[in-house]
Every structure is written in structure tokens, then in C-alpha cells.
Amino acid sequence: MKLYRFLTGPDDATFCRRVSEALNLGWTLHGSPSLTFDGSRVIAGQALVKEVEGDYSPEIRLSDM
């Protein structure tokens, strides 16, 4: 099964660490990062996908995969 998640947060070192952690857990980038401005700061977003065994269930905690 293929899982999808979209990480968002302020465009800072913490966001980059979250994406790096996901990559090291086997997630792969899906498309280009996105940026927006909320009036006071830049917000980044990055889609990620991962192939895993099993069947999809809404109870799956993507952050644990």
C-alpha cells in the first residue's frame, strides 16, 4: 500500500529536520516543496509518500510509519 502525508510548518530548521527525519524513515519526496506567506512568516509544505505492507486503515498513524 502507498501512504501519503503532507508536512507543513514555518520555513525554518525545525521543518527541515522533520522532512529529513521522514526521509530517513523511508518516506520519499512527492513533488516540489510549496511555500506561502501567512502575513508574518513563510510557511513551507512538502508531500511525502511511502510503500508499506498491509491494507489501508484510517487508524494508521502516519507519523509512526
PDB file of N, CA and C in Angstrom:
ATOM      1  N   MET A   1       0.850  -1.163   0.000  1.00  0.00           N
ATOM      2  CA  MET A   1       0.000   0.000   0.000  1.00  0.00           C
ATOM      3  C   MET A   1       0.896   1.226   0.000  1.00  0.00           C
ATOM      4  N   LYS A   2       0.434   2.282  -0.598  1.00  0.00           N
ATOM      5  CA  LYS A   2       1.179   3.541  -0.614  1.00  0.00           C
ATOM      6  C   LYS A   2       0.520   4.518   0.351  1.00  0.00           C
ATOM      7  N   LEU A   3       1.337   5.093   1.233  1.00  0.00           N
ATOM      8  CA  LEU A   3       0.857   6.104   2.172  1.00  0.00           C
ATOM      9  C   LEU A   3       1.299   7.486   1.691  1.00  0.00           C
ATOM     10  N   TYR A   4       0.506   8.483   2.045  1.00  0.00           N
ATOM     11  CA  TYR A   4       0.777   9.875   1.672  1.00  0.00           C
ATOM     12  C   TYR A   4       0.653  10.735   2.907  1.00  0.00           C
ATOM     13  N   ARG A   5       1.562  11.662   3.050  1.00  0.00           N
ATOM     14  CA  ARG A   5       1.435  12.663   4.120  1.00  0.00           C
ATOM     15  C   ARG A   5       1.972  13.987   3.619  1.00  0.00           C
ATOM     16  N   PHE A   6       1.516  15.063   4.220  1.00  0.00           N
ATOM     17  CA  PHE A   6       1.929  16.406   3.828  1.00  0.00           C
ATOM     18  C   PHE A   6       2.369  17.129   5.085  1.00  0.00           C
ATOM     19  N   LEU A   7       3.655  17.422   5.166  1.00  0.00           N
ATOM     20  CA  LEU A   7       4.189  18.139   6.319  1.00  0.00           C
ATOM     21  C   LEU A   7       4.113  19.638   6.052  1.00  0.00           C
ATOM     22  N   THR A   8       3.737  20.406   7.068  1.00  0.00           N
ATOM     23  CA  THR A   8       3.712  21.858   6.964  1.00  0.00           C
ATOM     24  C   THR A   8       4.311  22.458   8.221  1.00  0.00           C
ATOM     25  N   GLY A   9       4.761  23.682   8.101  1.00  0.00           N
ATOM     26  CA  GLY A   9       5.275  24.396   9.254  1.00  0.00           C
ATOM     27  C   GLY A   9       6.063  25.606   8.819  1.00  0.00           C
ATOM     28  N   PRO A  10       6.451  26.438   9.784  1.00  0.00           N
ATOM     29  CA  PRO A  10       7.289  27.590   9.449  1.00  0.00           C
ATOM     30  C   PRO A  10       8.549  27.130   8.712  1.00  0.00           C
ATOM     31  N   ASP A  11       8.964  27.897   7.734  1.00  0.00           N
ATOM     32  CA  ASP A  11      10.154  27.561   6.943  1.00  0.00           C
ATOM     33  C   ASP A  11      11.398  27.840   7.772  1.00  0.00           C
ATOM     34  N   ASP A  12      11.753  26.860   8.606  1.00  0.00           N
ATOM     35  CA  ASP A  12      12.900  27.009   9.495  1.00  0.00           C
ATOM     36  C   ASP A  12      13.632  25.678   9.637  1.00  0.00           C
ATOM     37  N   ALA A  13      14.632  25.654  10.474  1.00  0.00           N
ATOM     38  CA  ALA A  13      15.436  24.443  10.660  1.00  0.00           C
ATOM     39  C   ALA A  13      14.599  23.290  11.215  1.00  0.00           C
ATOM     40  N   THR A  14      13.622  23.573  12.042  1.00  0.00           N
ATOM     41  CA  THR A  14      12.770  22.523  12.598  1.00  0.00           C
ATOM     42  C   THR A  14      11.990  21.821  11.497  1.00  0.00           C
ATOM     43  N   PHE A  15      11.442  22.585  10.550  1.00  0.00           N
ATOM     44  CA  PHE A  15      10.724  21.983   9.434  1.00  0.00           C
ATOM     45  C   PHE A  15      11.675  21.102   8.627  1.00  0.00           C
ATOM     46  N   CYS A  16      12.871  21.589   8.343  1.00  0.00           N
ATOM     47  CA  CYS A  16      13.846  20.800   7.579  1.00  0.00           C
ATOM     48  C   CYS A  16      14.213  19.521   8.312  1.00  0.00           C
ATOM     49  N   ARG A  17      14.335  19.578   9.641  1.00  0.00           N
ATOM     50  CA  ARG A  17      14.628  18.366  10.415  1.00  0.00           C
ATOM     51  C   ARG A  17      13.479  17.366  10.333  1.00  0.00           C
ATOM     52  N   ARG A  18      12.229  17.848  10.339  1.00  0.00           N
ATOM     53  CA  ARG A  18      11.073  16.951  10.234  1.00  0.00           C
ATOM     54  C   ARG A  18      11.070  16.236   8.895  1.00  0.00           C
ATOM     55  N   VAL A  19      11.362  16.966   7.817  1.00  0.00           N
ATOM     56  CA  VAL A  19      11.421  16.337   6.497  1.00  0.00           C
ATOM     57  C   VAL A  19      12.586  15.350   6.455  1.00  0.00           C
ATOM     58  N   SER A  20      13.736  15.732   6.981  1.00  0.00           N
ATOM     59  CA  SER A  20      14.906  14.844   6.994  1.00  0.00           C
ATOM     60  C   SER A  20      14.624  13.575   7.784  1.00  0.00           C
ATOM     61  N   GLU A  21      13.945  13.706   8.919  1.00  0.00           N
ATOM     62  CA  GLU A  21      13.596  12.531   9.719  1.00  0.00           C
ATOM     63  C   GLU A  21      12.697  11.590   8.909  1.00  0.00           C
ATOM     64  N   ALA A  22      11.689  12.148   8.242  1.00  0.00           N
ATOM     65  CA  ALA A  22      10.791  11.325   7.437  1.00  0.00           C
ATOM     66  C   ALA A  22      11.560  10.609   6.323  1.00  0.00           C
ATOM     67  N   LEU A  23      12.472  11.304   5.663  1.00  0.00           N
ATOM     68  CA  LEU A  23      13.270  10.679   4.605  1.00  0.00           C
ATOM     69  C   LEU A  23      14.091   9.523   5.156  1.00  0.00           C
ATOM     70  N   ASN A  24      14.637   9.690   6.335  1.00  0.00           N
ATOM     71  CA  ASN A  24      15.436   8.636   6.948  1.00  0.00           C
ATOM     72  C   ASN A  24      14.594   7.481   7.474  1.00  0.00           C
ATOM     73  N   LEU A  25      13.273   7.676   7.569  1.00  0.00           N
ATOM     74  CA  LEU A  25      12.359   6.602   7.956  1.00  0.00           C
ATOM     75  C   LEU A  25      11.753   5.913   6.736  1.00  0.00           C
ATOM     76  N   GLY A  26      12.260   6.248   5.547  1.00  0.00           N
ATOM     77  CA  GLY A  26      11.831   5.555   4.344  1.00  0.00           C
ATOM     78  C   GLY A  26      10.814   6.289   3.485  1.00  0.00           C
ATOM     79  N   TRP A  27      10.363   7.478   3.910  1.00  0.00           N
ATOM     80  CA  TRP A  27       9.463   8.270   3.091  1.00  0.00           C
ATOM     81  C   TRP A  27      10.263   8.872   1.935  1.00  0.00           C
ATOM     82  N   THR A  28       9.596   9.151   0.819  1.00  0.00           N
ATOM     83  CA  THR A  28      10.246   9.816  -0.309  1.00  0.00           C
ATOM     84  C   THR A  28       9.468  11.074  -0.661  1.00  0.00           C
ATOM     85  N   LEU A  29      10.200  12.052  -1.188  1.00  0.00           N
ATOM     86  CA  LEU A  29       9.567  13.304  -1.584  1.00  0.00           C
ATOM     87  C   LEU A  29       8.589  13.041  -2.720  1.00  0.00           C
ATOM     88  N   HIS A  30       7.474  13.738  -2.693  1.00  0.00           N
ATOM     89  CA  HIS A  30       6.459  13.621  -3.745  1.00  0.00           C
ATOM     90  C   HIS A  30       6.169  15.033  -4.249  1.00  0.00           C
ATOM     91  N   GLY A  31       6.812  15.391  -5.338  1.00  0.00           N
ATOM     92  CA  GLY A  31       6.640  16.737  -5.869  1.00  0.00           C
ATOM     93  C   GLY A  31       7.558  17.736  -5.207  1.00  0.00           C
ATOM     94  N   SER A  32       7.394  18.954  -5.607  1.00  0.00           N
ATOM     95  CA  SER A  32       8.232  20.054  -5.097  1.00  0.00           C
ATOM     96  C   SER A  32       7.664  20.594  -3.791  1.00  0.00           C
ATOM     97  N   PRO A  33       8.510  21.218  -2.982  1.00  0.00           N
ATOM     98  CA  PRO A  33       8.001  21.869  -1.772  1.00  0.00           C
ATOM     99  C   PRO A  33       7.136  23.069  -2.166  1.00  0.00           C
ATOM    100  N   SER A  34       6.278  23.464  -1.270  1.00  0.00           N
ATOM    101  CA  SER A  34       5.459  24.653  -1.500  1.00  0.00           C
ATOM    102  C   SER A  34       5.720  25.654  -0.385  1.00  0.00           C
ATOM    103  N   LEU A  35       5.574  26.923  -0.718  1.00  0.00           N
ATOM    104  CA  LEU A  35       5.765  27.998   0.258  1.00  0.00           C
ATOM    105  C   LEU A  35       4.610  28.974   0.149  1.00  0.00           C
ATOM    106  N   THR A  36       4.216  29.513   1.286  1.00  0.00           N
ATOM    107  CA  THR A  36       3.211  30.567   1.314  1.00  0.00           C
ATOM    108  C   THR A  36       3.570  31.526   2.438  1.00  0.00           C
ATOM    109  N   PHE A  37       2.944  32.662   2.446  1.00  0.00           N
ATOM    110  CA  PHE A  37       3.191  33.676   3.471  1.00  0.00           C
ATOM    111  C   PHE A  37       1.887  33.911   4.209  1.00  0.00           C
ATOM    112  N   ASP A  38       1.910  33.788   5.536  1.00  0.00           N
ATOM    113  CA  ASP A  38       0.673  33.933   6.318  1.00  0.00           C
ATOM    114  C   ASP A  38       0.485  35.343   6.880  1.00  0.00           C
ATOM    115  N   GLY A  39       1.251  36.289   6.390  1.00  0.00           N
ATOM    116  CA  GLY A  39       1.152  37.662   6.872  1.00  0.00           C
ATOM    117  C   GLY A  39       2.268  38.045   7.812  1.00  0.00           C
ATOM    118  N   SER A  40       2.910  37.031   8.412  1.00  0.00           N
ATOM    119  CA  SER A  40       4.028  37.327   9.305  1.00  0.00           C
ATOM    120  C   SER A  40       5.223  36.401   9.107  1.00  0.00           C
ATOM    121  N   ARG A  41       5.007  35.245   8.483  1.00  0.00           N
ATOM    122  CA  ARG A  41       6.120  34.314   8.283  1.00  0.00           C
ATOM    123  C   ARG A  41       5.861  33.429   7.065  1.00  0.00           C
ATOM    124  N   VAL A  42       6.916  32.830   6.574  1.00  0.00           N
ATOM    125  CA  VAL A  42       6.825  31.908   5.443  1.00  0.00           C
ATOM    126  C   VAL A  42       6.497  30.517   5.989  1.00  0.00           C
ATOM    127  N   ILE A  43       5.504  29.876   5.406  1.00  0.00           N
ATOM    128  CA  ILE A  43       5.093  28.520   5.783  1.00  0.00           C
ATOM    129  C   ILE A  43       5.475  27.588   4.635  1.00  0.00           C
ATOM    130  N   ALA A  44       6.150  26.497   4.982  1.00  0.00           N
ATOM    131  CA  ALA A  44       6.596  25.516   3.989  1.00  0.00           C
ATOM    132  C   ALA A  44       5.721  24.276   4.065  1.00  0.00           C
ATOM    133  N   GLY A  45       5.638  23.572   2.943  1.00  0.00           N
ATOM    134  CA  GLY A  45       4.913  22.310   2.889  1.00  0.00           C
ATOM    135  C   GLY A  45       5.648  21.347   1.973  1.00  0.00           C
ATOM    136  N   GLN A  46       5.625  20.063   2.321  1.00  0.00           N
ATOM    137  CA  GLN A  46       6.258  19.046   1.490  1.00  0.00           C
ATOM    138  C   GLN A  46       5.452  17.769   1.559  1.00  0.00           C
ATOM    139  N   ALA A  47       5.064  17.257   0.386  1.00  0.00           N
ATOM    140  CA  ALA A  47       4.357  15.978   0.307  1.00  0.00           C
ATOM    141  C   ALA A  47       5.381  14.844   0.336  1.00  0.00           C
ATOM    142  N   LEU A  48       4.993  13.746   0.987  1.00  0.00           N
ATOM    143  CA  LEU A  48       5.831  12.562   1.111  1.00  0.00           C
ATOM    144  C   LEU A  48       4.986  11.322   0.858  1.00  0.00           C
ATOM    145  N   VAL A  49       5.589  10.288   0.296  1.00  0.00           N
ATOM    146  CA  VAL A  49       4.916   9.008   0.102  1.00  0.00           C
ATOM    147  C   VAL A  49       5.821   7.878   0.595  1.00  0.00           C
ATOM    148  N   LYS A  50       5.171   6.744   0.927  1.00  0.00           N
ATOM    149  CA  LYS A  50       5.924   5.582   1.405  1.00  0.00           C
ATOM    150  C   LYS A  50       5.140   4.322   1.092  1.00  0.00           C
ATOM    151  N   GLU A  51       5.830   3.315   0.555  1.00  0.00           N
ATOM    152  CA  GLU A  51       5.241   1.993   0.323  1.00  0.00           C
ATOM    153  C   GLU A  51       5.426   1.157   1.589  1.00  0.00           C
ATOM    154  N   VAL A  52       4.338   0.552   2.065  1.00  0.00           N
ATOM    155  CA  VAL A  52       4.393  -0.317   3.242  1.00  0.00           C
ATOM    156  C   VAL A  52       3.521  -1.547   3.004  1.00  0.00           C
ATOM    157  N   GLU A  53       3.733  -2.571   3.788  1.00  0.00           N
ATOM    158  CA  GLU A  53       2.931  -3.786   3.730  1.00  0.00           C
ATOM    159  C   GLU A  53       1.568  -3.534   4.366  1.00  0.00           C
ATOM    160  N   GLY A  54       0.601  -4.329   3.992  1.00  0.00           N
ATOM    161  CA  GLY A  54      -0.699  -4.294   4.643  1.00  0.00           C
ATOM    162  C   GLY A  54      -1.743  -3.529   3.858  1.00  0.00           C
ATOM    163  N   ASP A  55      -2.898  -3.397   4.501  1.00  0.00           N
ATOM    164  CA  ASP A  55      -4.032  -2.707   3.916  1.00  0.00           C
ATOM    165  C   ASP A  55      -4.253  -1.375   4.615  1.00  0.00           C
ATOM    166  N   TYR A  56      -4.783  -0.420   3.871  1.00  0.00           N
ATOM    167  CA  TYR A  56      -5.030   0.904   4.443  1.00  0.00           C
ATOM    168  C   TYR A  56      -6.136   0.860   5.483  1.00  0.00           C
ATOM    169  N   SER A  57      -5.952   1.637   6.529  1.00  0.00           N
ATOM    170  CA  SER A  57      -6.959   1.835   7.561  1.00  0.00           C
ATOM    171  C   SER A  57      -6.848   3.284   8.037  1.00  0.00           C
ATOM    172  N   PRO A  58      -7.964   3.966   8.274  1.00  0.00           N
ATOM    173  CA  PRO A  58      -7.903   5.341   8.761  1.00  0.00           C
ATOM    174  C   PRO A  58      -7.223   5.467  10.126  1.00  0.00           C
ATOM    175  N   GLU A  59      -7.082   4.377  10.845  1.00  0.00           N
ATOM    176  CA  GLU A  59      -6.443   4.410  12.155  1.00  0.00           C
ATOM    177  C   GLU A  59      -4.910   4.442  12.079  1.00  0.00           C
ATOM    178  N   ILE A  60      -4.360   4.259  10.894  1.00  0.00           N
ATOM    179  CA  ILE A  60      -2.897   4.278  10.747  1.00  0.00           C
ATOM    180  C   ILE A  60      -2.378   5.650  11.135  1.00  0.00           C
ATOM    181  N   ARG A  61      -1.396   5.657  12.024  1.00  0.00           N
ATOM    182  CA  ARG A  61      -0.737   6.912  12.415  1.00  0.00           C
ATOM    183  C   ARG A  61       0.453   7.116  11.488  1.00  0.00           C
ATOM    184  N   LEU A  62       0.302   8.018  10.536  1.00  0.00           N
ATOM    185  CA  LEU A  62       1.338   8.230   9.545  1.00  0.00           C
ATOM    186  C   LEU A  62       2.659   8.649  10.171  1.00  0.00           C
ATOM    187  N   SER A  63       2.612   9.389  11.255  1.00  0.00           N
ATOM    188  CA  SER A  63       3.844   9.828  11.900  1.00  0.00           C
ATOM    189  C   SER A  63       4.612   8.668  12.527  1.00  0.00           C
ATOM    190  N   ASP A  64       3.952   7.520  12.727  1.00  0.00           N
ATOM    191  CA  ASP A  64       4.621   6.342  13.283  1.00  0.00           C
ATOM    192  C   ASP A  64       5.200   5.431  12.215  1.00  0.00           C
ATOM    193  N   MET A  65       4.943   5.715  10.954  1.00  0.00           N
ATOM    194  CA  MET A  65       5.366   4.823   9.871  1.00  0.00           C
ATOM    195  C   MET A  65       6.781   5.143   9.422  1.00  0.00           C
TER     196      MET A  65
END
